[in-house]
PDB file of all heavy atoms in Angstrom:
ATOM      1  N   LYS A   1       0.837  -1.187   0.000  1.00  0.00           N
ATOM      2  CA  LYS A   1       0.000   0.000   0.000  1.00  0.00           C
ATOM      3  C   LYS A   1       0.875   1.241   0.000  1.00  0.00           C
ATOM      4  O   LYS A   1       2.014   1.190   0.458  1.00  0.00           O
ATOM      5  CB  LYS A   1      -0.903   0.015   1.235  1.00  0.00           C
ATOM      6  CG  LYS A   1      -1.781  -1.210   1.391  1.00  0.00           C
ATOM      7  CD  LYS A   1      -2.557  -1.158   2.699  1.00  0.00           C
ATOM      8  CE  LYS A   1      -3.434  -2.377   2.869  1.00  0.00           C
ATOM      9  NZ  LYS A   1      -4.190  -2.342   4.145  1.00  0.00           N
ATOM     10  N   PRO A   2       0.362   2.364  -0.482  1.00  0.00           N
ATOM     11  CA  PRO A   2       1.163   3.592  -0.459  1.00  0.00           C
ATOM     12  C   PRO A   2       1.698   3.940   0.919  1.00  0.00           C
ATOM     13  O   PRO A   2       2.809   4.470   1.028  1.00  0.00           O
ATOM     14  CB  PRO A   2       0.185   4.657  -0.965  1.00  0.00           C
ATOM     15  CG  PRO A   2      -0.717   3.902  -1.882  1.00  0.00           C
ATOM     16  CD  PRO A   2      -0.910   2.564  -1.218  1.00  0.00           C
ATOM     17  N   GLU A   3       0.947   3.644   1.961  1.00  0.00           N
ATOM     18  CA  GLU A   3       1.401   3.950   3.304  1.00  0.00           C
ATOM     19  C   GLU A   3       2.558   3.073   3.767  1.00  0.00           C
ATOM     20  O   GLU A   3       3.126   3.315   4.834  1.00  0.00           O
ATOM     21  CB  GLU A   3       0.245   3.871   4.314  1.00  0.00           C
ATOM     22  CG  GLU A   3      -0.531   2.572   4.256  1.00  0.00           C
ATOM     23  CD  GLU A   3      -1.796   2.677   3.429  1.00  0.00           C
ATOM     24  OE1 GLU A   3      -1.748   3.281   2.336  1.00  0.00           O
ATOM     25  OE2 GLU A   3      -2.845   2.158   3.878  1.00  0.00           O
ATOM     26  N   ASP A   4       2.907   2.061   2.984  1.00  0.00           N
ATOM     27  CA  ASP A   4       4.091   1.265   3.277  1.00  0.00           C
ATOM     28  C   ASP A   4       5.373   1.934   2.799  1.00  0.00           C
ATOM     29  O   ASP A   4       6.465   1.446   3.091  1.00  0.00           O
ATOM     30  CB  ASP A   4       3.989  -0.120   2.630  1.00  0.00           C
ATOM     31  CG  ASP A   4       2.853  -0.952   3.195  1.00  0.00           C
ATOM     32  OD1 ASP A   4       2.650  -0.942   4.424  1.00  0.00           O
ATOM     33  OD2 ASP A   4       2.171  -1.629   2.394  1.00  0.00           O
ATOM     34  N   THR A   5       5.246   3.016   2.066  1.00  0.00           N
ATOM     35  CA  THR A   5       6.412   3.720   1.560  1.00  0.00           C
ATOM     36  C   THR A   5       7.277   4.217   2.710  1.00  0.00           C
ATOM     37  O   THR A   5       6.807   4.928   3.598  1.00  0.00           O
ATOM     38  CB  THR A   5       5.982   4.906   0.688  1.00  0.00           C
ATOM     39  OG1 THR A   5       5.300   4.412  -0.473  1.00  0.00           O
ATOM     40  CG2 THR A   5       7.184   5.722   0.246  1.00  0.00           C
ATOM     41  N   ALA A   6       8.538   3.834   2.700  1.00  0.00           N
ATOM     42  CA  ALA A   6       9.457   4.195   3.776  1.00  0.00           C
ATOM     43  C   ALA A   6      10.829   3.642   3.458  1.00  0.00           C
ATOM     44  O   ALA A   6      11.008   2.844   2.533  1.00  0.00           O
ATOM     45  CB  ALA A   6       8.979   3.631   5.115  1.00  0.00           C
ATOM     46  N   MET A   7      11.800   4.093   4.231  1.00  0.00           N
ATOM     47  CA  MET A   7      13.088   3.430   4.252  1.00  0.00           C
ATOM     48  C   MET A   7      12.988   2.263   5.223  1.00  0.00           C
ATOM     49  O   MET A   7      12.559   2.443   6.368  1.00  0.00           O
ATOM     50  CB  MET A   7      14.184   4.400   4.687  1.00  0.00           C
ATOM     51  CG  MET A   7      15.585   3.815   4.644  1.00  0.00           C
ATOM     52  SD  MET A   7      16.194   3.576   2.963  1.00  0.00           S
ATOM     53  CE  MET A   7      16.547   5.273   2.493  1.00  0.00           C
ATOM     54  N   TYR A   8      13.369   1.097   4.761  1.00  0.00           N
ATOM     55  CA  TYR A   8      13.294  -0.104   5.577  1.00  0.00           C
ATOM     56  C   TYR A   8      14.679  -0.514   6.042  1.00  0.00           C
ATOM     57  O   TYR A   8      15.618  -0.581   5.249  1.00  0.00           O
ATOM     58  CB  TYR A   8      12.652  -1.251   4.790  1.00  0.00           C
ATOM     59  CG  TYR A   8      11.155  -1.131   4.684  1.00  0.00           C
ATOM     60  CD1 TYR A   8      10.578  -0.148   3.883  1.00  0.00           C
ATOM     61  CD2 TYR A   8      10.312  -1.987   5.396  1.00  0.00           C
ATOM     62  CE1 TYR A   8       9.203  -0.018   3.795  1.00  0.00           C
ATOM     63  CE2 TYR A   8       8.938  -1.867   5.308  1.00  0.00           C
ATOM     64  CZ  TYR A   8       8.389  -0.881   4.509  1.00  0.00           C
ATOM     65  OH  TYR A   8       7.020  -0.775   4.427  1.00  0.00           O
ATOM     66  N   TYR A   9      14.788  -0.804   7.319  1.00  0.00           N
ATOM     67  CA  TYR A   9      16.043  -1.182   7.935  1.00  0.00           C
ATOM     68  C   TYR A   9      15.926  -2.549   8.583  1.00  0.00           C
ATOM     69  O   TYR A   9      14.902  -2.861   9.189  1.00  0.00           O
ATOM     70  CB  TYR A   9      16.432  -0.187   9.035  1.00  0.00           C
ATOM     71  CG  TYR A   9      16.583   1.240   8.579  1.00  0.00           C
ATOM     72  CD1 TYR A   9      15.498   2.098   8.565  1.00  0.00           C
ATOM     73  CD2 TYR A   9      17.820   1.726   8.182  1.00  0.00           C
ATOM     74  CE1 TYR A   9      15.632   3.412   8.157  1.00  0.00           C
ATOM     75  CE2 TYR A   9      17.969   3.033   7.775  1.00  0.00           C
ATOM     76  CZ  TYR A   9      16.877   3.872   7.762  1.00  0.00           C
ATOM     77  OH  TYR A   9      17.017   5.177   7.358  1.00  0.00           O
ATOM     78  N   CYS A  10      16.957  -3.344   8.478  1.00  0.00           N
ATOM     79  CA  CYS A  10      17.011  -4.531   9.304  1.00  0.00           C
ATOM     80  C   CYS A  10      17.924  -4.258  10.487  1.00  0.00           C
ATOM     81  O   CYS A  10      18.804  -3.399  10.439  1.00  0.00           O
ATOM     82  CB  CYS A  10      17.450  -5.776   8.522  1.00  0.00           C
ATOM     83  SG  CYS A  10      19.168  -5.830   8.017  1.00  0.00           S
ATOM     84  N   ALA A  11      17.691  -4.986  11.562  1.00  0.00           N
ATOM     85  CA  ALA A  11      18.429  -4.742  12.786  1.00  0.00           C
ATOM     86  C   ALA A  11      18.564  -6.028  13.584  1.00  0.00           C
ATOM     87  O   ALA A  11      17.797  -6.977  13.402  1.00  0.00           O
ATOM     88  CB  ALA A  11      17.724  -3.671  13.624  1.00  0.00           C
ATOM     89  N   ALA A  12      19.538  -6.034  14.472  1.00  0.00           N
ATOM     90  CA  ALA A  12      19.794  -7.178  15.334  1.00  0.00           C
ATOM     91  C   ALA A  12      19.928  -6.708  16.771  1.00  0.00           C
ATOM     92  O   ALA A  12      20.459  -5.628  17.042  1.00  0.00           O
ATOM     93  CB  ALA A  12      21.058  -7.908  14.891  1.00  0.00           C
ATOM     94  N   LYS A  13      19.458  -7.528  17.672  1.00  0.00           N
ATOM     95  CA  LYS A  13      19.486  -7.240  19.096  1.00  0.00           C
ATOM     96  C   LYS A  13      20.085  -8.412  19.837  1.00  0.00           C
ATOM     97  O   LYS A  13      19.805  -9.568  19.499  1.00  0.00           O
ATOM     98  CB  LYS A  13      18.060  -6.952  19.582  1.00  0.00           C
ATOM     99  CG  LYS A  13      17.922  -6.495  21.023  1.00  0.00           C
ATOM    100  CD  LYS A  13      16.492  -6.063  21.291  1.00  0.00           C
ATOM    101  CE  LYS A  13      16.313  -5.518  22.690  1.00  0.00           C
ATOM    102  NZ  LYS A  13      16.351  -6.608  23.699  1.00  0.00           N
ATOM    103  N   ARG A  14      20.859  -8.130  20.859  1.00  0.00           N
ATOM    104  CA  ARG A  14      21.603  -9.180  21.543  1.00  0.00           C
ATOM    105  C   ARG A  14      20.763 -10.057  22.454  1.00  0.00           C
ATOM    106  O   ARG A  14      21.065 -11.238  22.621  1.00  0.00           O
ATOM    107  CB  ARG A  14      22.745  -8.576  22.373  1.00  0.00           C
ATOM    108  CG  ARG A  14      23.887  -8.023  21.547  1.00  0.00           C
ATOM    109  CD  ARG A  14      25.077  -7.752  22.434  1.00  0.00           C
ATOM    110  NE  ARG A  14      24.803  -6.700  23.405  1.00  0.00           N
ATOM    111  CZ  ARG A  14      25.058  -5.417  23.206  1.00  0.00           C
ATOM    112  NH1 ARG A  14      25.594  -5.023  22.060  1.00  0.00           N
ATOM    113  NH2 ARG A  14      24.787  -4.528  24.141  1.00  0.00           N
ATOM    114  N   TRP A  15      19.740  -9.506  23.061  1.00  0.00           N
ATOM    115  CA  TRP A  15      19.071 -10.258  24.105  1.00  0.00           C
ATOM    116  C   TRP A  15      17.564 -10.095  24.061  1.00  0.00           C
ATOM    117  O   TRP A  15      16.996  -9.572  23.113  1.00  0.00           O
ATOM    118  CB  TRP A  15      19.670  -9.882  25.476  1.00  0.00           C
ATOM    119  CG  TRP A  15      19.470 -10.905  26.543  1.00  0.00           C
ATOM    120  CD1 TRP A  15      18.920 -10.715  27.778  1.00  0.00           C
ATOM    121  CD2 TRP A  15      19.796 -12.305  26.491  1.00  0.00           C
ATOM    122  NE1 TRP A  15      18.890 -11.892  28.488  1.00  0.00           N
ATOM    123  CE2 TRP A  15      19.426 -12.883  27.719  1.00  0.00           C
ATOM    124  CE3 TRP A  15      20.376 -13.116  25.507  1.00  0.00           C
ATOM    125  CZ2 TRP A  15      19.609 -14.242  27.995  1.00  0.00           C
ATOM    126  CZ3 TRP A  15      20.549 -14.465  25.777  1.00  0.00           C
ATOM    127  CH2 TRP A  15      20.168 -15.003  27.016  1.00  0.00           C
ATOM    128  N   LEU A  16      16.908 -10.539  25.123  1.00  0.00           N
ATOM    129  CA  LEU A  16      15.457 -10.663  25.186  1.00  0.00           C
ATOM    130  C   LEU A  16      14.728  -9.347  24.937  1.00  0.00           C
ATOM    131  O   LEU A  16      15.241  -8.265  25.242  1.00  0.00           O
ATOM    132  CB  LEU A  16      15.043 -11.191  26.566  1.00  0.00           C
ATOM    133  CG  LEU A  16      15.620 -12.538  26.977  1.00  0.00           C
ATOM    134  CD1 LEU A  16      15.244 -12.834  28.423  1.00  0.00           C
ATOM    135  CD2 LEU A  16      15.117 -13.648  26.061  1.00  0.00           C
ATOM    136  N   GLY A  17      13.529  -9.475  24.422  1.00  0.00           N
ATOM    137  CA  GLY A  17      12.679  -8.321  24.177  1.00  0.00           C
ATOM    138  C   GLY A  17      12.812  -7.806  22.764  1.00  0.00           C
ATOM    139  O   GLY A  17      13.553  -6.847  22.513  1.00  0.00           O
ATOM    140  N   CYS A  18      12.098  -8.428  21.831  1.00  0.00           N
ATOM    141  CA  CYS A  18      12.283  -8.105  20.420  1.00  0.00           C
ATOM    142  C   CYS A  18      11.405  -6.962  19.934  1.00  0.00           C
ATOM    143  O   CYS A  18      11.780  -6.272  18.990  1.00  0.00           O
ATOM    144  CB  CYS A  18      12.039  -9.335  19.555  1.00  0.00           C
ATOM    145  SG  CYS A  18      13.227 -10.672  19.830  1.00  0.00           S
ATOM    146  N   TRP A  19      10.241  -6.778  20.527  1.00  0.00           N
ATOM    147  CA  TRP A  19       9.337  -5.739  20.058  1.00  0.00           C
ATOM    148  C   TRP A  19       9.696  -4.416  20.720  1.00  0.00           C
ATOM    149  O   TRP A  19       9.022  -3.934  21.632  1.00  0.00           O
ATOM    150  CB  TRP A  19       7.884  -6.124  20.301  1.00  0.00           C
ATOM    151  CG  TRP A  19       6.948  -5.285  19.488  1.00  0.00           C
ATOM    152  CD1 TRP A  19       6.025  -4.397  19.946  1.00  0.00           C
ATOM    153  CD2 TRP A  19       6.873  -5.233  18.058  1.00  0.00           C
ATOM    154  NE1 TRP A  19       5.371  -3.805  18.909  1.00  0.00           N
ATOM    155  CE2 TRP A  19       5.860  -4.292  17.730  1.00  0.00           C
ATOM    156  CE3 TRP A  19       7.541  -5.891  17.019  1.00  0.00           C
ATOM    157  CZ2 TRP A  19       5.524  -3.990  16.410  1.00  0.00           C
ATOM    158  CZ3 TRP A  19       7.203  -5.580  15.705  1.00  0.00           C
ATOM    159  CH2 TRP A  19       6.209  -4.651  15.412  1.00  0.00           C
ATOM    160  N   THR A  20      10.746  -3.830  20.220  1.00  0.00           N
ATOM    161  CA  THR A  20      11.310  -2.601  20.744  1.00  0.00           C
ATOM    162  C   THR A  20      12.115  -1.941  19.626  1.00  0.00           C
ATOM    163  O   THR A  20      12.484  -2.593  18.648  1.00  0.00           O
ATOM    164  CB  THR A  20      12.232  -2.894  21.946  1.00  0.00           C
ATOM    165  OG1 THR A  20      12.850  -1.690  22.404  1.00  0.00           O
ATOM    166  CG2 THR A  20      13.326  -3.893  21.571  1.00  0.00           C
ATOM    167  N   LEU A  21      12.356  -0.657  19.767  1.00  0.00           N
ATOM    168  CA  LEU A  21      13.231   0.043  18.840  1.00  0.00           C
ATOM    169  C   LEU A  21      14.687   0.000  19.279  1.00  0.00           C
ATOM    170  O   LEU A  21      15.569   0.439  18.540  1.00  0.00           O
ATOM    171  CB  LEU A  21      12.795   1.505  18.693  1.00  0.00           C
ATOM    172  CG  LEU A  21      11.392   1.755  18.140  1.00  0.00           C
ATOM    173  CD1 LEU A  21      11.107   3.254  18.077  1.00  0.00           C
ATOM    174  CD2 LEU A  21      11.228   1.119  16.773  1.00  0.00           C
ATOM    175  N   LEU A  22      14.934  -0.518  20.460  1.00  0.00           N
ATOM    176  CA  LEU A  22      16.264  -0.477  21.052  1.00  0.00           C
ATOM    177  C   LEU A  22      17.111  -1.657  20.608  1.00  0.00           C
ATOM    178  O   LEU A  22      17.482  -2.515  21.406  1.00  0.00           O
ATOM    179  CB  LEU A  22      16.153  -0.411  22.575  1.00  0.00           C
ATOM    180  CG  LEU A  22      15.358   0.763  23.138  1.00  0.00           C
ATOM    181  CD1 LEU A  22      15.268   0.673  24.646  1.00  0.00           C
ATOM    182  CD2 LEU A  22      15.979   2.084  22.707  1.00  0.00           C
ATOM    183  N   TYR A  23      17.413  -1.693  19.335  1.00  0.00           N
ATOM    184  CA  TYR A  23      18.278  -2.719  18.780  1.00  0.00           C
ATOM    185  C   TYR A  23      19.726  -2.254  18.776  1.00  0.00           C
ATOM    186  O   TYR A  23      20.015  -1.052  18.796  1.00  0.00           O
ATOM    187  CB  TYR A  23      17.822  -3.090  17.368  1.00  0.00           C
ATOM    188  CG  TYR A  23      16.738  -4.141  17.364  1.00  0.00           C
ATOM    189  CD1 TYR A  23      15.547  -3.946  18.045  1.00  0.00           C
ATOM    190  CD2 TYR A  23      16.913  -5.343  16.684  1.00  0.00           C
ATOM    191  CE1 TYR A  23      14.559  -4.917  18.052  1.00  0.00           C
ATOM    192  CE2 TYR A  23      15.929  -6.310  16.680  1.00  0.00           C
ATOM    193  CZ  TYR A  23      14.754  -6.098  17.363  1.00  0.00           C
ATOM    194  OH  TYR A  23      13.775  -7.066  17.357  1.00  0.00           O
ATOM    195  N   ASN A  24      20.631  -3.202  18.743  1.00  0.00           N
ATOM    196  CA  ASN A  24      22.047  -2.915  18.886  1.00  0.00           C
ATOM    197  C   ASN A  24      22.759  -2.635  17.572  1.00  0.00           C
ATOM    198  O   ASN A  24      23.725  -1.873  17.534  1.00  0.00           O
ATOM    199  CB  ASN A  24      22.752  -4.069  19.586  1.00  0.00           C
ATOM    200  CG  ASN A  24      22.175  -4.370  20.955  1.00  0.00           C
ATOM    201  OD1 ASN A  24      21.487  -5.385  21.136  1.00  0.00           O
ATOM    202  ND2 ASN A  24      22.430  -3.489  21.909  1.00  0.00           N
ATOM    203  N   TYR A  25      22.306  -3.266  16.512  1.00  0.00           N
ATOM    204  CA  TYR A  25      22.985  -3.168  15.225  1.00  0.00           C
ATOM    205  C   TYR A  25      21.970  -2.899  14.133  1.00  0.00           C
ATOM    206  O   TYR A  25      20.884  -3.485  14.128  1.00  0.00           O
ATOM    207  CB  TYR A  25      23.747  -4.461  14.916  1.00  0.00           C
ATOM    208  CG  TYR A  25      24.648  -4.897  16.037  1.00  0.00           C
ATOM    209  CD1 TYR A  25      24.264  -5.910  16.910  1.00  0.00           C
ATOM    210  CD2 TYR A  25      25.881  -4.288  16.237  1.00  0.00           C
ATOM    211  CE1 TYR A  25      25.079  -6.303  17.957  1.00  0.00           C
ATOM    212  CE2 TYR A  25      26.707  -4.676  17.283  1.00  0.00           C
ATOM    213  CZ  TYR A  25      26.304  -5.683  18.137  1.00  0.00           C
ATOM    214  OH  TYR A  25      27.116  -6.072  19.176  1.00  0.00           O
ATOM    215  N   TRP A  26      22.351  -2.031  13.208  1.00  0.00           N
ATOM    216  CA  TRP A  26      21.441  -1.596  12.155  1.00  0.00           C
ATOM    217  C   TRP A  26      22.107  -1.608  10.796  1.00  0.00           C
ATOM    218  O   TRP A  26      23.301  -1.325  10.673  1.00  0.00           O
ATOM    219  CB  TRP A  26      20.948  -0.172  12.437  1.00  0.00           C
ATOM    220  CG  TRP A  26      20.107  -0.074  13.661  1.00  0.00           C
ATOM    221  CD1 TRP A  26      20.540   0.034  14.953  1.00  0.00           C
ATOM    222  CD2 TRP A  26      18.680  -0.074  13.713  1.00  0.00           C
ATOM    223  NE1 TRP A  26      19.456   0.101  15.810  1.00  0.00           N
ATOM    224  CE2 TRP A  26      18.314   0.038  15.078  1.00  0.00           C
ATOM    225  CE3 TRP A  26      17.680  -0.150  12.748  1.00  0.00           C
ATOM    226  CZ2 TRP A  26      16.978   0.072  15.489  1.00  0.00           C
ATOM    227  CZ3 TRP A  26      16.358  -0.119  13.153  1.00  0.00           C
ATOM    228  CH2 TRP A  26      16.020  -0.009  14.511  1.00  0.00           C
ATOM    229  N   GLY A  27      21.328  -1.930   9.775  1.00  0.00           N
ATOM    230  CA  GLY A  27      21.787  -1.799   8.411  1.00  0.00           C
ATOM    231  C   GLY A  27      21.616  -0.381   7.906  1.00  0.00           C
ATOM    232  O   GLY A  27      21.141   0.511   8.623  1.00  0.00           O
ATOM    233  N   GLN A  28      21.987  -0.166   6.657  1.00  0.00           N
ATOM    234  CA  GLN A  28      21.952   1.178   6.079  1.00  0.00           C
ATOM    235  C   GLN A  28      20.595   1.548   5.498  1.00  0.00           C
ATOM    236  O   GLN A  28      20.353   2.717   5.209  1.00  0.00           O
ATOM    237  CB  GLN A  28      23.029   1.306   4.995  1.00  0.00           C
ATOM    238  CG  GLN A  28      22.650   0.767   3.619  1.00  0.00           C
ATOM    239  CD  GLN A  28      22.507  -0.737   3.557  1.00  0.00           C
ATOM    240  OE1 GLN A  28      23.049  -1.465   4.386  1.00  0.00           O
ATOM    241  NE2 GLN A  28      21.772  -1.218   2.553  1.00  0.00           N
ATOM    242  N   GLY A  29      19.733   0.566   5.321  1.00  0.00           N
ATOM    243  CA  GLY A  29      18.397   0.812   4.826  1.00  0.00           C
ATOM    244  C   GLY A  29      18.242   0.562   3.341  1.00  0.00           C
ATOM    245  O   GLY A  29      19.189   0.653   2.573  1.00  0.00           O
ATOM    246  N   THR A  30      17.020   0.243   2.948  1.00  0.00           N
ATOM    247  CA  THR A  30      16.669   0.107   1.541  1.00  0.00           C
ATOM    248  C   THR A  30      15.304   0.749   1.336  1.00  0.00           C
ATOM    249  O   THR A  30      14.389   0.550   2.131  1.00  0.00           O
ATOM    250  CB  THR A  30      16.685  -1.373   1.096  1.00  0.00           C
ATOM    251  OG1 THR A  30      16.457  -1.455  -0.317  1.00  0.00           O
ATOM    252  CG2 THR A  30      15.647  -2.205   1.827  1.00  0.00           C
ATOM    253  N   GLN A  31      15.180   1.534   0.288  1.00  0.00           N
ATOM    254  CA  GLN A  31      13.972   2.318   0.076  1.00  0.00           C
ATOM    255  C   GLN A  31      12.883   1.492  -0.580  1.00  0.00           C
ATOM    256  O   GLN A  31      13.123   0.785  -1.562  1.00  0.00           O
ATOM    257  CB  GLN A  31      14.276   3.541  -0.801  1.00  0.00           C
ATOM    258  CG  GLN A  31      13.066   4.427  -1.094  1.00  0.00           C
ATOM    259  CD  GLN A  31      12.536   5.121   0.132  1.00  0.00           C
ATOM    260  OE1 GLN A  31      13.315   5.579   0.981  1.00  0.00           O
ATOM    261  NE2 GLN A  31      11.210   5.216   0.254  1.00  0.00           N
ATOM    262  N   VAL A  32      11.675   1.601  -0.039  1.00  0.00           N
ATOM    263  CA  VAL A  32      10.487   0.998  -0.628  1.00  0.00           C
ATOM    264  C   VAL A  32       9.506   2.118  -0.939  1.00  0.00           C
ATOM    265  O   VAL A  32       9.140   2.895  -0.052  1.00  0.00           O
ATOM    266  CB  VAL A  32       9.835  -0.026   0.311  1.00  0.00           C
ATOM    267  CG1 VAL A  32       8.482  -0.485  -0.236  1.00  0.00           C
ATOM    268  CG2 VAL A  32      10.757  -1.210   0.519  1.00  0.00           C
ATOM    269  N   THR A  33       9.087   2.204  -2.182  1.00  0.00           N
ATOM    270  CA  THR A  33       8.141   3.223  -2.608  1.00  0.00           C
ATOM    271  C   THR A  33       6.963   2.547  -3.283  1.00  0.00           C
ATOM    272  O   THR A  33       7.146   1.772  -4.224  1.00  0.00           O
ATOM    273  CB  THR A  33       8.791   4.219  -3.576  1.00  0.00           C
ATOM    274  OG1 THR A  33       9.922   4.835  -2.951  1.00  0.00           O
ATOM    275  CG2 THR A  33       7.798   5.299  -3.988  1.00  0.00           C
ATOM    276  N   VAL A  34       5.766   2.836  -2.801  1.00  0.00           N
ATOM    277  CA  VAL A  34       4.552   2.228  -3.329  1.00  0.00           C
ATOM    278  C   VAL A  34       3.649   3.337  -3.849  1.00  0.00           C
ATOM    279  O   VAL A  34       3.252   4.228  -3.096  1.00  0.00           O
ATOM    280  CB  VAL A  34       3.811   1.406  -2.265  1.00  0.00           C
ATOM    281  CG1 VAL A  34       2.620   0.690  -2.895  1.00  0.00           C
ATOM    282  CG2 VAL A  34       4.755   0.408  -1.610  1.00  0.00           C
ATOM    283  N   SER A  35       3.317   3.280  -5.118  1.00  0.00           N
ATOM    284  CA  SER A  35       2.476   4.286  -5.738  1.00  0.00           C
ATOM    285  C   SER A  35       1.066   3.749  -5.942  1.00  0.00           C
ATOM    286  O   SER A  35       0.851   2.542  -6.098  1.00  0.00           O
ATOM    287  CB  SER A  35       3.062   4.737  -7.069  1.00  0.00           C
ATOM    288  OG  SER A  35       3.178   3.646  -7.969  1.00  0.00           O
TER     289      SER A  35
END
């Protein structure tokens, strides 16, 4: 959907609690654009 348009990043976290923004390592991102 158009609202999915964003820069998408993958990330890794060392320990428990995955549903958080507080990840330890991040990629550079890849752009997704939906028209």
